[in-house]
């Protein structure tokens, strides 16, 4: 029950809850006590929960699903921004060493250190502005892809307005100042005779700092690559799931003849006429109905009670008599539903193997009876006439739940999902099927027309998008890390030219010099990899609910990401 109310000025939610809770409990207890014994749900216990929330964004507010996805996107964006900033900082650090002579000449000619710092910061801001302009162009092109991370009914404003531009401009300015200031201070920290005071010790300190920044980039890149690998493994595991029926050449859509039929008998009559018209379309092999779409994140739960048993929750489907034959769900025992199972006939149901195991303990379920524990059909016996093989109900990631299938003629539902088995391309049949339906009722729309495979694919849209996002971000980060590493190694090699010359003069081979330089590089990559794997293990645990068939600490994903990072860094 949702109740909206406006509070007086200064009243907090805690005060509202404290005043409403005792009234709420008293009202519920009195209501339950006043119900007749034959209608009261005896199995229900405990007290409903009272929640007092802000109604400024509707009765439910932003869903946790949308909040979680926004947090994930923001985190990925922040990691990529960190990699880019650290990369630029490391390259500017190397550039500062190369400009020490220039800075010293300027100081000798009378320029103040503050003047030089302002110049270098201006260069950093100009570089950041150029990157921001390119980023804005990409954002304008890619912004429409963002809603794909959220549920279909999410209201997400992707317009690039003044608030978004101001946020981007402010973030650009802050990052340019923070990461450019260190470069400016170090580049101007010179004496009057720089080339005489340049020492190996000072150059070594800059090289160590630059290597540290490269290690940070490698760690962040490896974090993204490992997470991407986990999502790729998740997608692969989803592709190997047996859904329990044939998804090929199966067209699905919803219909709701609310304005065309009011009485249950009229609903059944209209649907049967519609099914006859669709079956007559050339290329249609079979057509059936179900109350809930299959593997579409939709659920129908009810509480049932067997003879002398305690009530328990199961899943429900009301279907047309040829539902199992059309979808290709094989029977395990008993018979399928029949066209003679009408509203005047005794109530029957086909249960899946999971319900046979969990509700009847595989103890000869055929002929057994159960009934709804509450609702208008409470107590009306339903006889089990068949057992069908388990099939996915709502999600690929969940095992087949205990489910029973009733003839829709015995429990009519207005809004139904139509499943059409075709001889060829299912989507190519849409126009003919729509024409046949409109021949019966021209005002009846076909909603959410798609193939069954597309409908299943929609349920794993989030891990697929996350995999693509993290993979692209990780490769960009790794590419930036490689560029920064190349710059640092190149600077270090130039700084040690005299040392390398002496080593060669004393008999060192070229391979020895390469081993010396690459040995230091490998240490950077190794330390960054260790830190990155640690961060990846932590991040994977936080993403555990989004993974399927993959352990949060997955060795194959971590090894493959580490090898990729090492190869690119080494090259």
Protein backbone atom coordinates (compact mmCIF):
# COMPACT_ATOMS: atom_id res chain seq x y z
CA UNK A 1 0.00 0.00 0.00
CA UNK A 2 1.47 3.33 -1.09
CA UNK A 3 0.35 6.45 0.75
CA UNK A 4 1.48 9.98 -0.14
CA UNK A 5 1.44 12.76 2.41
CA UNK A 6 2.92 16.22 2.79
CA UNK A 7 4.64 16.93 6.09
CA UNK A 8 4.57 20.15 8.02
CA UNK A 9 7.67 22.37 7.80
CA UNK A 10 10.54 21.08 9.90
CA UNK A 11 9.16 17.56 10.37
CA UNK A 12 11.70 14.81 9.65
CA UNK A 13 11.11 11.30 8.32
CA UNK A 14 12.16 9.83 11.66
CA UNK A 15 9.45 11.83 13.41
CA UNK A 16 6.86 10.69 10.88
CA UNK A 17 7.91 7.05 11.33
CA UNK A 18 7.84 7.28 15.13
CA UNK A 19 4.28 8.62 15.06
CA UNK A 20 2.91 6.31 12.36
CA UNK A 21 4.45 2.99 13.43
CA UNK A 22 2.28 2.29 16.50
CA UNK A 23 -0.85 3.32 14.60
CA UNK A 24 0.19 1.10 11.70
CA UNK A 25 0.78 -1.97 13.88
CA UNK A 26 -2.48 -1.46 15.79
CA UNK A 27 -4.45 -1.10 12.55
CA UNK A 28 -2.93 -4.20 10.94
CA UNK A 29 -3.48 -6.33 14.04
CA UNK A 30 -7.08 -5.19 14.31
CA UNK A 31 -7.68 -5.87 10.62
CA UNK A 32 -6.30 -9.39 10.81
CA UNK A 33 -8.28 -10.15 13.94
CA UNK A 34 -11.52 -9.00 12.28
CA UNK A 35 -11.18 -11.32 9.27
CA UNK A 36 -13.32 -14.46 9.20
CA UNK A 37 -11.39 -17.69 9.88
CA UNK A 38 -12.24 -19.13 6.49
CA UNK A 39 -10.69 -16.17 4.65
CA UNK A 40 -7.77 -15.36 6.90
CA UNK A 41 -4.32 -16.54 5.79
CA UNK A 42 -3.47 -18.76 8.75
CA UNK A 43 0.04 -19.47 7.52
CA UNK A 44 1.01 -15.82 7.37
CA UNK A 45 2.90 -14.56 10.44
CA UNK A 46 4.78 -11.48 11.56
CA UNK A 47 4.08 -7.81 10.92
CA UNK A 48 4.34 -6.01 7.55
CA UNK A 49 7.08 -3.43 7.28
CA UNK A 50 6.33 0.28 7.38
CA UNK A 51 8.68 2.39 5.29
CA UNK A 52 8.76 6.18 5.30
CA UNK A 53 10.63 7.51 2.29
CA UNK A 54 10.90 10.76 0.41
CA UNK A 55 8.32 11.02 -2.36
CA UNK A 56 10.16 13.73 -4.28
CA UNK A 57 11.11 11.25 -7.01
CA UNK A 58 7.97 9.15 -7.04
CA UNK A 59 6.80 6.36 -4.74
CA UNK A 60 9.89 4.21 -5.33
CA UNK A 61 12.56 6.68 -6.40
CA UNK A 62 15.58 5.69 -8.46
CA UNK A 63 15.90 1.92 -8.46
CA UNK A 64 18.94 0.26 -6.86
CA UNK A 65 19.61 -1.25 -10.29
CA UNK A 66 19.99 2.19 -11.86
CA UNK A 67 22.05 3.49 -8.95
CA UNK A 68 24.41 0.52 -9.14
CA UNK A 69 24.92 0.93 -12.88
CA UNK A 70 25.55 4.65 -12.55
CA UNK A 71 28.12 3.93 -9.86
CA UNK A 72 29.81 1.35 -12.10
CA UNK A 73 29.98 3.74 -15.06
CA UNK A 74 31.27 6.55 -12.85
CA UNK A 75 33.94 4.29 -11.37
CA UNK A 76 35.14 3.13 -14.79
CA UNK A 77 35.23 6.74 -16.00
CA UNK A 78 37.17 7.78 -12.93
CA UNK A 79 39.75 5.01 -13.39
CA UNK A 80 40.28 5.95 -17.05
CA UNK A 81 40.59 9.62 -16.08
CA UNK A 82 43.16 8.67 -13.44
CA UNK A 83 45.15 6.67 -15.99
CA UNK A 84 45.08 9.54 -18.49
CA UNK A 85 46.11 12.13 -15.88
CA UNK A 86 48.92 9.98 -14.48
CA UNK A 87 50.10 9.31 -18.04
CA UNK A 88 50.24 12.99 -18.87
CA UNK A 89 51.92 13.72 -15.53
CA UNK A 90 54.64 11.14 -16.20
CA UNK A 91 55.25 12.50 -19.71
CA UNK A 92 55.31 16.08 -18.43
CA UNK A 93 57.78 14.99 -15.77
CA UNK A 94 60.11 13.69 -18.48
CA UNK A 95 59.51 16.82 -20.52
CA UNK A 96 60.38 18.97 -17.52
CA UNK A 97 63.79 17.31 -17.33
CA UNK A 98 64.40 18.07 -20.99
CA UNK A 99 63.42 21.73 -20.50
CA UNK A 100 65.64 22.42 -17.50
CA UNK A 101 68.17 24.21 -19.68
CA UNK A 102 65.42 26.35 -21.23
CA UNK A 103 64.01 27.22 -17.80
CA UNK A 104 67.46 28.14 -16.51
CA UNK A 105 68.10 30.47 -19.43
CA UNK A 106 64.76 32.18 -18.82
CA UNK A 107 65.55 32.61 -15.14
CA UNK A 108 69.00 33.96 -16.01
CA UNK A 109 67.39 36.49 -18.34
CA UNK A 110 65.22 37.81 -15.51
CA UNK A 111 62.03 35.76 -15.64
CA UNK A 112 60.57 35.03 -12.24
CA UNK A 113 59.73 31.51 -11.16
CA UNK A 114 56.08 32.49 -10.78
CA UNK A 115 56.03 33.72 -14.38
CA UNK A 116 57.42 30.40 -15.60
CA UNK A 117 54.95 28.41 -13.49
CA UNK A 118 52.05 30.39 -15.00
CA UNK A 119 53.41 29.67 -18.48
CA UNK A 120 53.68 25.94 -17.86
CA UNK A 121 50.22 25.83 -16.26
CA UNK A 122 48.85 27.64 -19.30
CA UNK A 123 50.37 24.94 -21.49
CA UNK A 124 48.76 22.26 -19.31
CA UNK A 125 45.37 23.99 -19.49
CA UNK A 126 45.67 24.30 -23.27
CA UNK A 127 46.46 20.60 -23.53
CA UNK A 128 43.54 19.75 -21.25
CA UNK A 129 41.20 22.02 -23.23
CA UNK A 130 42.14 20.27 -26.47
CA UNK A 131 41.46 16.89 -24.85
CA UNK A 132 38.16 18.15 -23.41
CA UNK A 133 37.03 19.36 -26.85
CA UNK A 134 37.78 15.94 -28.33
CA UNK A 135 36.03 14.29 -25.41
CA UNK A 136 32.96 16.46 -25.87
CA UNK A 137 32.78 15.41 -29.52
CA UNK A 138 32.94 11.74 -28.51
CA UNK A 139 30.37 12.28 -25.74
CA UNK A 140 27.91 13.83 -28.19
CA UNK A 141 28.25 10.74 -30.36
CA UNK A 142 28.20 8.14 -27.57
CA UNK A 143 25.71 9.60 -25.07
CA UNK A 144 22.74 7.72 -26.55
CA UNK A 145 24.39 4.41 -25.65
CA UNK A 146 24.22 5.16 -21.92
CA UNK A 147 20.50 4.25 -21.44
CA UNK A 148 21.29 0.69 -22.60
CA UNK A 149 22.80 0.08 -19.17
CA UNK A 150 19.46 0.63 -17.45
CA UNK A 151 16.02 -0.93 -17.41
CA UNK A 152 13.64 -0.19 -20.26
CA UNK A 153 11.42 2.10 -18.20
CA UNK A 154 14.27 4.13 -16.68
CA UNK A 155 14.05 7.86 -17.23
CA UNK A 156 17.59 8.93 -18.06
CA UNK A 157 18.35 12.42 -19.37
CA UNK A 158 21.39 12.23 -21.66
CA UNK A 159 21.16 15.78 -22.97
CA UNK A 160 24.48 17.67 -22.81
CA UNK A 161 23.22 20.83 -21.13
CA UNK A 162 24.98 23.64 -19.28
CA UNK A 163 25.23 21.60 -16.08
CA UNK A 164 27.02 18.77 -17.86
CA UNK A 165 29.30 21.21 -19.67
CA UNK A 166 30.08 23.07 -16.44
CA UNK A 167 30.88 19.82 -14.67
CA UNK A 168 33.18 18.68 -17.49
CA UNK A 169 34.86 22.09 -17.69
CA UNK A 170 35.40 22.19 -13.93
CA UNK A 171 36.81 18.66 -13.84
CA UNK A 172 39.10 19.45 -16.77
CA UNK A 173 40.40 22.59 -15.06
CA UNK A 174 40.98 20.84 -11.74
CA UNK A 175 42.84 17.91 -13.27
CA UNK A 176 44.96 20.23 -15.42
CA UNK A 177 45.90 22.34 -12.41
CA UNK A 178 46.57 19.42 -10.06
CA UNK A 179 48.61 17.32 -12.46
CA UNK A 180 50.21 20.27 -14.24
CA UNK A 181 51.31 22.05 -11.08
CA UNK A 182 53.75 19.31 -10.11
CA UNK A 183 55.30 19.49 -13.57
CA UNK A 184 55.55 23.28 -13.35
CA UNK A 185 57.16 23.26 -9.91
CA UNK A 186 59.72 20.62 -10.83
CA UNK A 187 60.56 22.20 -14.20
CA UNK A 188 61.31 25.58 -12.57
CA UNK A 189 63.24 24.15 -9.61
CA UNK A 190 66.64 24.91 -11.16
CA UNK A 191 69.60 27.12 -10.41
CA UNK A 192 71.30 29.75 -12.52
CA UNK A 193 73.67 27.27 -14.21
CA UNK A 194 71.53 24.19 -14.84
CA UNK A 195 73.73 22.17 -17.11
CA UNK A 196 76.59 22.43 -14.61
CA UNK A 197 74.42 21.38 -11.68
CA UNK A 198 72.52 18.60 -13.42
CA UNK A 199 73.45 15.45 -11.52
CA UNK A 200 72.77 11.82 -11.99
CA UNK A 201 71.08 11.78 -8.58
CA UNK A 202 68.49 14.36 -9.62
CA UNK A 203 67.80 12.62 -12.91
CA UNK A 204 67.46 9.32 -11.05
CA UNK A 205 64.85 10.81 -8.72
CA UNK A 206 62.79 11.96 -11.69
CA UNK A 207 63.12 8.53 -13.31
CA UNK A 208 61.94 6.81 -10.11
CA UNK A 209 58.96 9.12 -9.85
CA UNK A 210 58.09 8.61 -13.51
CA UNK A 211 58.33 4.82 -13.08
CA UNK A 212 56.06 5.01 -10.05
CA UNK A 213 53.44 6.82 -12.10
CA UNK A 214 53.74 4.18 -14.83
CA UNK A 215 53.19 1.46 -12.23
CA UNK A 216 49.98 3.21 -11.16
CA UNK A 217 48.78 3.20 -14.77
CA UNK A 218 49.56 -0.48 -15.23
CA UNK A 219 47.73 -1.36 -11.99
CA UNK A 220 44.63 0.60 -13.00
CA UNK A 221 44.69 -0.84 -16.53
CA UNK A 222 45.03 -4.37 -15.21
CA UNK A 223 42.08 -3.77 -12.88
CA UNK A 224 39.88 -2.89 -15.87
CA UNK A 225 41.18 -5.79 -17.98
CA UNK A 226 40.56 -8.37 -15.26
CA UNK A 227 37.02 -7.10 -14.67
CA UNK A 228 36.47 -7.20 -18.43
CA UNK A 229 37.74 -10.79 -18.51
CA UNK A 230 35.30 -11.76 -15.76
CA UNK A 231 32.38 -10.31 -17.71
CA UNK A 232 33.54 -12.02 -20.93
CA UNK A 233 33.62 -15.33 -19.06
CA UNK A 234 30.16 -14.54 -17.73
CA UNK A 235 28.85 -13.97 -21.25
CA UNK A 236 30.41 -17.23 -22.42
CA UNK A 237 28.78 -19.11 -19.54
CA UNK A 238 25.42 -17.58 -20.42
CA UNK A 239 25.83 -18.76 -24.01
CA UNK A 240 26.30 -22.34 -22.77
CA UNK A 241 23.13 -22.41 -20.65
CA UNK A 242 20.48 -24.92 -21.69
CA UNK A 243 17.20 -22.98 -21.55
CA UNK A 244 15.17 -26.17 -21.81
CA UNK A 245 13.33 -25.43 -25.06
CA UNK A 246 14.00 -24.58 -28.70
CA UNK A 247 14.57 -20.84 -29.14
CA UNK A 248 15.09 -20.92 -32.92
CA UNK A 249 12.49 -19.46 -35.31
CA UNK A 250 10.28 -18.39 -32.41
CA UNK A 251 8.54 -15.00 -32.56
CA UNK A 252 7.10 -13.54 -29.34
CA UNK A 253 4.95 -10.50 -28.64
CA UNK A 254 2.32 -9.32 -26.15
CA UNK A 255 -1.34 -8.52 -26.64
CA UNK A 256 -3.85 -6.95 -24.27
CA UNK A 257 -7.45 -7.00 -25.58
CA UNK A 258 -8.73 -5.07 -22.57
CA UNK A 259 -11.08 -2.92 -24.63
CA UNK A 260 -12.20 -5.78 -26.87
CA UNK A 261 -13.31 -8.33 -24.28
CA UNK A 262 -14.49 -7.79 -20.73
CA UNK A 263 -15.73 -11.21 -19.57
CA UNK A 264 -13.37 -14.18 -19.13
CA UNK A 265 -15.30 -16.25 -21.65
CA UNK A 266 -15.07 -13.42 -24.18
CA UNK A 267 -11.30 -13.19 -23.60
CA UNK A 268 -10.86 -16.91 -24.32
CA UNK A 269 -13.08 -16.72 -27.41
CA UNK A 270 -11.17 -13.73 -28.80
CA UNK A 271 -7.76 -15.35 -28.24
CA UNK A 272 -8.86 -18.58 -29.90
CA UNK A 273 -10.08 -16.70 -32.95
CA UNK A 274 -6.78 -14.78 -33.04
CA UNK A 275 -4.78 -18.02 -32.74
CA UNK A 276 -6.76 -19.54 -35.61
CA UNK A 277 -6.03 -16.51 -37.81
CA UNK A 278 -2.29 -16.60 -37.02
CA UNK A 279 -2.07 -20.36 -37.62
CA UNK A 280 -3.48 -19.78 -41.12
CA UNK A 281 -0.58 -17.45 -42.06
CA UNK A 282 1.77 -19.20 -44.53
CA UNK A 283 5.03 -20.15 -42.84
CA UNK A 284 3.53 -20.44 -39.35
CA UNK A 285 3.94 -23.93 -37.91
CA UNK A 286 2.31 -23.42 -34.53
CA UNK A 287 1.10 -20.65 -32.24
CA UNK A 288 0.47 -20.68 -28.50
CA UNK A 289 -0.03 -18.40 -25.48
CA UNK A 290 1.44 -17.87 -22.05
CA UNK A 291 0.63 -15.40 -19.32
CA UNK A 292 4.30 -14.58 -18.68
CA UNK A 293 7.02 -14.19 -21.34
CA UNK A 294 9.70 -16.85 -21.07
CA UNK A 295 13.17 -15.77 -19.86
CA UNK A 296 12.25 -12.09 -19.81
CA UNK A 297 12.81 -11.18 -16.12
CA UNK A 298 9.07 -11.56 -15.47
CA UNK A 299 7.69 -13.66 -12.64
CA UNK A 300 4.36 -14.88 -11.28
CA UNK A 301 4.56 -16.37 -7.79
CA UNK A 302 1.79 -17.95 -5.77
CA UNK A 303 1.53 -19.91 -2.55
CA UNK A 304 0.10 -23.40 -2.86
CA UNK A 305 -0.83 -26.07 -0.37
CA UNK A 306 -0.86 -29.82 -0.87
CA UNK A 307 -2.98 -32.28 1.09
CA UNK A 308 -1.97 -31.83 4.70
CA UNK A 309 1.15 -29.90 3.75
CA UNK A 310 2.35 -26.45 4.69
CA UNK A 311 1.95 -23.62 2.15
CA UNK A 312 4.97 -22.89 -0.02
CA UNK A 313 5.76 -20.56 -2.90
CA UNK A 314 5.96 -21.75 -6.50
CA UNK A 315 5.95 -20.14 -9.93
CA UNK A 316 2.85 -20.13 -12.12
CA UNK A 317 2.14 -20.06 -15.85
CA UNK A 318 -1.23 -20.14 -17.56
CA UNK A 319 -0.77 -21.36 -21.13
CA UNK A 320 -2.61 -22.58 -24.21
CA UNK A 321 -3.01 -26.34 -24.50
CA UNK A 322 -0.24 -26.65 -27.17
CA UNK A 323 2.34 -24.60 -25.28
CA UNK A 324 4.82 -27.46 -24.67
CA UNK A 325 4.64 -28.74 -28.23
CA UNK A 326 5.18 -25.28 -29.70
CA UNK A 327 8.17 -24.44 -27.52
CA UNK A 328 9.68 -27.90 -27.67
CA UNK A 329 9.47 -28.78 -23.97
CA UNK A 330 9.42 -32.59 -23.75
CA UNK A 331 7.13 -34.37 -21.32
CA UNK A 332 8.74 -36.56 -18.67
CA UNK A 333 5.59 -38.30 -17.49
CA UNK A 334 1.82 -38.19 -17.89
CA UNK A 335 0.00 -36.19 -20.52
CA UNK A 336 0.16 -32.66 -21.84
CA UNK A 337 -2.60 -30.11 -21.57
CA UNK A 338 -5.50 -30.64 -23.97
CA UNK A 339 -8.04 -28.48 -25.75
CA UNK A 340 -10.74 -30.18 -23.67
CA UNK A 341 -9.29 -28.70 -20.46
CA UNK A 342 -11.80 -25.84 -20.49
CA UNK A 343 -13.29 -23.75 -17.75
CA UNK A 344 -16.08 -26.28 -17.27
CA UNK A 345 -13.68 -29.22 -16.87
CA UNK A 346 -11.90 -30.16 -13.62
CA UNK A 347 -8.83 -28.06 -12.97
CA UNK A 348 -5.58 -29.65 -14.10
CA UNK A 349 -1.93 -28.67 -14.30
CA UNK A 350 1.35 -29.88 -15.71
CA UNK A 351 4.25 -29.41 -13.31
CA UNK A 352 7.96 -29.23 -14.09
CA UNK A 353 10.51 -31.69 -12.74
CA UNK A 354 11.71 -29.15 -10.16
CA UNK A 355 8.23 -28.96 -8.63
CA UNK A 356 7.97 -32.76 -8.67
CA UNK A 357 11.21 -32.95 -6.69
CA UNK A 358 10.69 -30.08 -4.29
CA UNK A 359 6.95 -30.22 -3.61
CA UNK A 360 6.12 -33.91 -4.08
CA UNK A 361 9.61 -35.34 -3.44
CA UNK A 362 9.34 -37.34 -6.69
CA UNK A 363 6.72 -39.48 -4.94
CA UNK A 364 4.47 -40.29 -7.93
CA UNK A 365 3.18 -36.73 -8.51
CA UNK A 366 0.73 -37.79 -11.23
CA UNK A 367 -2.80 -37.64 -9.86
CA UNK A 368 -1.78 -35.67 -6.79
CA UNK A 369 -3.68 -32.51 -5.95
CA UNK A 370 -2.79 -29.09 -4.67
CA UNK A 371 -4.58 -25.75 -4.34
CA UNK A 372 -3.87 -22.04 -4.03
CA UNK A 373 -3.27 -21.09 -0.40
CA UNK A 374 -5.01 -17.72 -0.77
CA UNK A 375 -6.79 -15.58 -3.31
CA UNK A 376 -10.19 -16.04 -5.00
CA UNK A 377 -9.35 -19.62 -6.08
CA UNK A 378 -8.18 -20.70 -2.65
CA UNK A 379 -8.94 -24.30 -1.84
CA UNK A 380 -10.08 -25.32 -5.35
CA UNK A 381 -8.24 -28.61 -6.10
CA UNK A 382 -5.88 -28.77 -9.06
CA UNK A 383 -4.84 -32.23 -10.27
CA UNK A 384 -1.36 -32.97 -11.64
CA UNK A 385 -1.74 -34.68 -15.04
CA UNK A 386 1.82 -34.44 -16.37
CA UNK A 387 5.44 -33.62 -15.66
CA UNK A 388 7.51 -31.59 -18.11
CA UNK A 389 11.27 -31.17 -18.35
CA UNK A 390 12.78 -28.24 -16.46
CA UNK A 391 13.21 -25.00 -18.42
CA UNK A 392 14.38 -21.53 -17.51
CA UNK A 393 11.57 -19.32 -16.30
CA UNK A 394 12.75 -15.76 -15.70
CA UNK A 395 16.56 -15.54 -15.89
CA UNK A 396 19.40 -17.58 -17.32
CA UNK A 397 21.36 -17.22 -14.10
CA UNK A 398 18.71 -18.96 -11.97
CA UNK A 399 17.94 -22.68 -11.90
CA UNK A 400 14.50 -23.75 -13.05
CA UNK A 401 12.15 -22.95 -10.15
CA UNK A 402 9.22 -25.21 -9.14
CA UNK A 403 6.55 -24.26 -11.66
CA UNK A 404 3.11 -25.47 -12.64
CA UNK A 405 1.32 -24.76 -15.93
CA UNK A 406 -2.45 -24.32 -16.00
CA UNK A 407 -4.69 -24.03 -19.08
CA UNK A 408 -5.45 -20.37 -19.65
CA UNK A 409 -9.04 -21.41 -20.38
CA UNK A 410 -9.39 -22.32 -16.68
CA UNK A 411 -7.75 -19.13 -15.46
CA UNK A 412 -8.11 -16.48 -18.20
CA UNK A 413 -5.67 -13.56 -18.26
CA UNK A 414 -6.23 -10.56 -20.51
CA UNK A 415 -2.62 -9.65 -21.24
CA UNK A 416 -0.90 -12.63 -22.82
CA UNK A 417 2.36 -13.39 -24.58
CA UNK A 418 2.02 -14.98 -28.00
CA UNK A 419 4.68 -17.46 -29.14
CA UNK A 420 4.72 -18.23 -32.87
CA UNK A 421 6.84 -21.08 -34.26
CA UNK A 422 7.75 -20.34 -37.88
CA UNK A 423 9.31 -22.33 -40.70
CA UNK A 424 11.91 -19.65 -41.48
CA UNK A 425 13.01 -16.21 -40.32
CA UNK A 426 10.62 -15.32 -37.49
CA UNK A 427 10.90 -11.53 -37.82
CA UNK A 428 10.09 -11.76 -41.55
CA UNK A 429 6.67 -13.14 -40.56
CA UNK A 430 5.72 -10.08 -38.49
CA UNK A 431 3.81 -8.23 -41.23
CA UNK A 432 1.69 -11.26 -42.13
CA UNK A 433 0.93 -12.04 -38.48
CA UNK A 434 -0.02 -8.44 -37.77
CA UNK A 435 -2.34 -8.39 -40.78
CA UNK A 436 -4.02 -11.61 -39.63
CA UNK A 437 -4.60 -10.24 -36.11
CA UNK A 438 -5.92 -6.93 -37.40
CA UNK A 439 -8.31 -8.89 -39.58
CA UNK A 440 -9.96 -10.04 -36.35
CA UNK A 441 -9.53 -6.83 -34.33
CA UNK A 442 -8.02 -3.80 -36.12
CA UNK A 443 -7.58 -1.95 -32.80
CA UNK A 444 -5.48 -4.65 -31.13
CA UNK A 445 -1.77 -3.69 -31.01
CA UNK A 446 1.18 -6.07 -31.04
CA UNK A 447 3.59 -5.03 -28.27
CA UNK A 448 7.28 -5.83 -27.85
CA UNK A 449 7.62 -7.85 -31.03
CA UNK A 450 10.94 -9.74 -31.06
CA UNK A 451 12.42 -13.19 -31.43
CA UNK A 452 12.79 -15.42 -28.40
CA UNK A 453 16.57 -15.30 -28.86
CA UNK A 454 16.51 -11.48 -28.77
CA UNK A 455 14.31 -11.59 -25.69
CA UNK A 456 16.79 -13.84 -23.89
CA UNK A 457 19.69 -11.69 -25.08
CA UNK A 458 17.98 -8.66 -23.56
CA UNK A 459 18.20 -10.23 -20.11
CA UNK A 460 22.02 -10.32 -20.30
CA UNK A 461 22.36 -6.84 -21.77
CA UNK A 462 24.01 -5.51 -18.63
CA UNK A 463 27.00 -7.91 -18.44
CA UNK A 464 27.45 -7.60 -22.22
CA UNK A 465 27.59 -3.81 -22.00
CA UNK A 466 29.82 -3.92 -18.92
CA UNK A 467 32.19 -6.29 -20.72
CA UNK A 468 32.46 -3.97 -23.71
CA UNK A 469 32.85 -0.89 -21.51
CA UNK A 470 35.57 -2.35 -19.31
CA UNK A 471 37.39 -3.96 -22.26
CA UNK A 472 37.55 -0.70 -24.21
CA UNK A 473 38.50 1.27 -21.10
CA UNK A 474 41.15 -1.27 -20.14
CA UNK A 475 42.72 -1.28 -23.61
CA UNK A 476 42.77 2.52 -23.67
CA UNK A 477 44.37 2.57 -20.24
CA UNK A 478 46.93 -0.05 -21.22
CA UNK A 479 47.75 1.85 -24.41
CA UNK A 480 48.31 5.03 -22.40
CA UNK A 481 50.47 3.11 -19.92
CA UNK A 482 52.58 1.75 -22.79
CA UNK A 483 53.02 5.26 -24.22
CA UNK A 484 54.06 6.57 -20.83
CA UNK A 485 56.39 3.64 -20.26
CA UNK A 486 58.03 4.22 -23.63
CA UNK A 487 58.58 7.88 -22.77
CA UNK A 488 60.12 7.06 -19.39
CA UNK A 489 62.40 4.34 -20.77
CA UNK A 490 63.46 6.63 -23.62
CA UNK A 491 64.27 9.43 -21.17
CA UNK A 492 66.14 7.06 -18.88
CA UNK A 493 68.18 5.70 -21.81
CA UNK A 494 69.13 9.22 -22.93
CA UNK A 495 70.06 10.19 -19.38
CA UNK A 496 72.37 7.19 -19.13
CA UNK A 497 73.98 7.54 -22.54
CA UNK A 498 77.45 8.08 -21.04
CA UNK A 499 77.04 5.12 -18.69
CA UNK A 500 75.90 2.88 -21.53
CA UNK A 501 78.84 4.04 -23.67
CA UNK A 502 81.28 3.18 -20.89
CA UNK A 503 79.69 -0.27 -20.45
CA UNK A 504 79.99 -0.98 -24.18
CA UNK A 505 83.61 0.26 -24.18
CA UNK A 506 84.38 -2.14 -21.35
CA UNK A 507 83.03 -5.06 -23.35
CA UNK A 508 79.28 -5.15 -22.64
CA UNK A 509 77.25 -6.54 -25.46
CA UNK A 510 74.08 -4.96 -26.85
CA UNK A 511 72.01 -7.74 -25.32
CA UNK A 512 73.50 -6.91 -21.91
CA UNK A 513 72.44 -3.27 -22.27
CA UNK A 514 68.95 -4.29 -23.40
CA UNK A 515 68.69 -6.67 -20.46
CA UNK A 516 69.68 -3.84 -18.11
CA UNK A 517 67.05 -1.45 -19.44
CA UNK A 518 64.30 -4.06 -19.82
CA UNK A 519 65.06 -5.44 -16.37
CA UNK A 520 64.09 -2.12 -14.82
CA UNK A 521 60.99 -2.01 -17.03
CA UNK A 522 59.96 -5.50 -15.97
CA UNK A 523 60.11 -4.41 -12.34
CA UNK A 524 57.69 -1.58 -13.10
CA UNK A 525 55.31 -3.96 -14.89
CA UNK A 526 55.59 -6.61 -12.16
CA UNK A 527 54.89 -4.28 -9.27
CA UNK A 528 52.04 -2.63 -11.15
CA UNK A 529 50.64 -6.07 -12.00
CA UNK A 530 50.72 -7.22 -8.38
CA UNK A 531 48.93 -4.07 -7.20
CA UNK A 532 46.46 -4.30 -10.11
CA UNK A 533 45.63 -7.94 -9.36
CA UNK A 534 45.00 -7.05 -5.73
CA UNK A 535 42.64 -4.26 -6.75
CA UNK A 536 41.00 -6.57 -9.29
CA UNK A 537 40.37 -9.21 -6.62
CA UNK A 538 38.69 -6.60 -4.43
CA UNK A 539 36.64 -5.22 -7.32
CA UNK A 540 35.58 -8.71 -8.42
CA UNK A 541 34.19 -9.43 -4.97
CA UNK A 542 32.12 -6.27 -5.16
CA UNK A 543 30.80 -7.39 -8.56
CA UNK A 544 30.05 -10.94 -7.43
CA UNK A 545 26.28 -10.60 -7.95
CA UNK A 546 26.78 -9.52 -11.56
CA UNK A 547 28.87 -12.56 -12.50
CA UNK A 548 27.58 -15.96 -13.55
CA UNK A 549 29.52 -19.20 -13.35
CA UNK A 550 32.71 -17.31 -12.51
CA UNK A 551 34.47 -17.11 -9.19
CA UNK A 552 35.30 -13.54 -8.09
CA UNK A 553 38.98 -14.54 -8.06
CA UNK A 554 39.19 -16.25 -11.45
CA UNK A 555 42.75 -17.37 -12.29
CA UNK A 556 42.21 -17.55 -16.05
CA UNK A 557 40.88 -13.99 -16.28
CA UNK A 558 43.72 -12.65 -14.14
CA UNK A 559 46.44 -14.58 -15.99
CA UNK A 560 45.16 -13.57 -19.43
CA UNK A 561 44.95 -9.90 -18.40
CA UNK A 562 48.44 -10.02 -16.88
CA UNK A 563 49.92 -11.67 -20.00
CA UNK A 564 48.25 -9.08 -22.23
CA UNK A 565 49.57 -6.27 -20.06
CA UNK A 566 53.08 -7.73 -20.01
CA UNK A 567 53.18 -8.28 -23.76
CA UNK A 568 52.05 -4.78 -24.61
CA UNK A 569 54.31 -3.20 -22.02
CA UNK A 570 57.28 -5.26 -23.21
CA UNK A 571 56.69 -4.35 -26.83
